Amino acid sequence: MNRFEGKVCLVTASTAGIGLAIADRMAQEGGHLIVCSRKQNNVDDAVKTITETIKSNGSKGSVVGLACNVGRPDERK
């Protein structure tokens, strides 16, 4: 299925566990993902994992990552 083809999907807390699984599935189904978390190294690992899934699956999806702590006003901007 390609339920998310051509759509942008923002997934917060998406660097591990259920959030990562959801982001990975959306990418498999053609979504253009934005993953975010508080720590850049976690974001980088998630982007790598999802990129590998996209390549192995042949999906039209894509992924970028952003470190953001929503508890900090300057980072929300």
C-alpha atoms as a PDB file:
ATOM      1  CA  MET A   1       0.000   0.000   0.000  1.00  0.00           C
ATOM      2  CA  ASN A   2       1.014   3.604  -0.519  1.00  0.00           C
ATOM      3  CA  ARG A   3      -1.318   5.375   1.907  1.00  0.00           C
ATOM      4  CA  PHE A   4       1.187   8.157   2.569  1.00  0.00           C
ATOM      5  CA  GLU A   5       2.596   8.663  -0.938  1.00  0.00           C
ATOM      6  CA  GLY A   6       3.063  12.363  -1.622  1.00  0.00           C
ATOM      7  CA  LYS A   7       2.274  13.330   1.965  1.00  0.00           C
ATOM      8  CA  VAL A   8       4.524  14.925   4.569  1.00  0.00           C
ATOM      9  CA  CYS A   9       4.458  13.107   7.916  1.00  0.00           C
ATOM     10  CA  LEU A  10       5.827  14.702  11.086  1.00  0.00           C
ATOM     11  CA  VAL A  11       6.429  12.084  13.768  1.00  0.00           C
ATOM     12  CA  THR A  12       7.528  13.282  17.199  1.00  0.00           C
ATOM     13  CA  ALA A  13       9.413  11.026  19.627  1.00  0.00           C
ATOM     14  CA  SER A  14      10.211   8.891  16.609  1.00  0.00           C
ATOM     15  CA  THR A  15      13.739   7.717  17.304  1.00  0.00           C
ATOM     16  CA  ALA A  16      12.891   4.508  19.193  1.00  0.00           C
ATOM     17  CA  GLY A  17      10.116   2.115  20.061  1.00  0.00           C
ATOM     18  CA  ILE A  18       6.608   2.656  18.761  1.00  0.00           C
ATOM     19  CA  GLY A  19       7.403   6.095  17.330  1.00  0.00           C
ATOM     20  CA  LEU A  20      10.221   4.698  15.196  1.00  0.00           C
ATOM     21  CA  ALA A  21       8.048   1.790  14.061  1.00  0.00           C
ATOM     22  CA  ILE A  22       5.291   4.202  13.000  1.00  0.00           C
ATOM     23  CA  ALA A  23       7.729   6.454  11.128  1.00  0.00           C
ATOM     24  CA  ASP A  24       9.351   3.452   9.442  1.00  0.00           C
ATOM     25  CA  ARG A  25       5.964   2.149   8.271  1.00  0.00           C
ATOM     26  CA  MET A  26       4.912   5.557   6.952  1.00  0.00           C
ATOM     27  CA  ALA A  27       8.133   5.714   4.925  1.00  0.00           C
ATOM     28  CA  GLN A  28       7.488   2.212   3.577  1.00  0.00           C
ATOM     29  CA  GLU A  29       4.126   3.483   2.386  1.00  0.00           C
ATOM     30  CA  GLY A  30       5.620   6.434   0.499  1.00  0.00           C
ATOM     31  CA  GLY A  31       5.516   9.178   3.139  1.00  0.00           C
ATOM     32  CA  HIS A  32       8.020  12.005   3.311  1.00  0.00           C
ATOM     33  CA  LEU A  33       9.034  11.823   6.960  1.00  0.00           C
ATOM     34  CA  ILE A  34      10.285  14.397   9.400  1.00  0.00           C
ATOM     35  CA  VAL A  35      11.493  12.627  12.535  1.00  0.00           C
ATOM     36  CA  CYS A  36      12.347  14.520  15.658  1.00  0.00           C
ATOM     37  CA  SER A  37      13.600  13.972  19.157  1.00  0.00           C
ATOM     38  CA  ARG A  38      15.555  15.877  21.799  1.00  0.00           C
ATOM     39  CA  LYS A  39      18.974  14.384  20.982  1.00  0.00           C
ATOM     40  CA  GLN A  40      20.665  14.776  17.603  1.00  0.00           C
ATOM     41  CA  ASN A  41      22.477  11.422  17.764  1.00  0.00           C
ATOM     42  CA  ASN A  42      19.127   9.651  18.239  1.00  0.00           C
ATOM     43  CA  VAL A  43      17.694  11.571  15.285  1.00  0.00           C
ATOM     44  CA  ASP A  44      20.685  10.593  13.128  1.00  0.00           C
ATOM     45  CA  ASP A  45      20.267   6.903  14.035  1.00  0.00           C
ATOM     46  CA  ALA A  46      16.549   6.981  13.219  1.00  0.00           C
ATOM     47  CA  VAL A  47      17.166   8.681   9.863  1.00  0.00           C
ATOM     48  CA  LYS A  48      19.743   6.013   9.014  1.00  0.00           C
ATOM     49  CA  THR A  49      17.354   3.185   9.957  1.00  0.00           C
ATOM     50  CA  ILE A  50      14.460   4.625   7.959  1.00  0.00           C
ATOM     51  CA  THR A  51      16.685   5.407   4.968  1.00  0.00           C
ATOM     52  CA  GLU A  52      17.790   1.768   4.905  1.00  0.00           C
ATOM     53  CA  THR A  53      14.152   0.655   4.975  1.00  0.00           C
ATOM     54  CA  ILE A  54      13.266   2.975   2.084  1.00  0.00           C
ATOM     55  CA  LYS A  55      16.165   1.660  -0.003  1.00  0.00           C
ATOM     56  CA  SER A  56      15.427  -2.009   0.683  1.00  0.00           C
ATOM     57  CA  ASN A  57      11.695  -1.568   0.133  1.00  0.00           C
ATOM     58  CA  GLY A  58      11.927   0.525  -3.057  1.00  0.00           C
ATOM     59  CA  SER A  59       9.534   3.050  -1.543  1.00  0.00           C
ATOM     60  CA  LYS A  60       9.054   6.563  -2.862  1.00  0.00           C
ATOM     61  CA  GLY A  61       9.354   7.828   0.711  1.00  0.00           C
ATOM     62  CA  SER A  62      12.048  10.062   2.129  1.00  0.00           C
ATOM     63  CA  VAL A  63      13.240  11.104   5.578  1.00  0.00           C
ATOM     64  CA  VAL A  64      14.894  14.071   7.272  1.00  0.00           C
ATOM     65  CA  GLY A  65      15.570  14.574  10.965  1.00  0.00           C
ATOM     66  CA  LEU A  66      15.425  17.440  13.406  1.00  0.00           C
ATOM     67  CA  ALA A  67      16.535  17.663  17.025  1.00  0.00           C
ATOM     68  CA  CYS A  68      14.026  19.666  19.043  1.00  0.00           C
ATOM     69  CA  ASN A  69      13.139  19.891  22.720  1.00  0.00           C
ATOM     70  CA  VAL A  70       9.614  21.324  22.750  1.00  0.00           C
ATOM     71  CA  GLY A  71      10.135  22.315  26.388  1.00  0.00           C
ATOM     72  CA  ARG A  72      12.561  25.017  25.235  1.00  0.00           C
ATOM     73  CA  PRO A  73      10.914  28.063  23.616  1.00  0.00           C
ATOM     74  CA  ASP A  74      13.986  28.874  21.518  1.00  0.00           C
ATOM     75  CA  GLU A  75      13.956  25.395  19.956  1.00  0.00           C
ATOM     76  CA  ARG A  76      10.246  25.546  19.147  1.00  0.00           C
ATOM     77  CA  LYS A  77      10.883  28.560  16.940  1.00  0.00           C
END
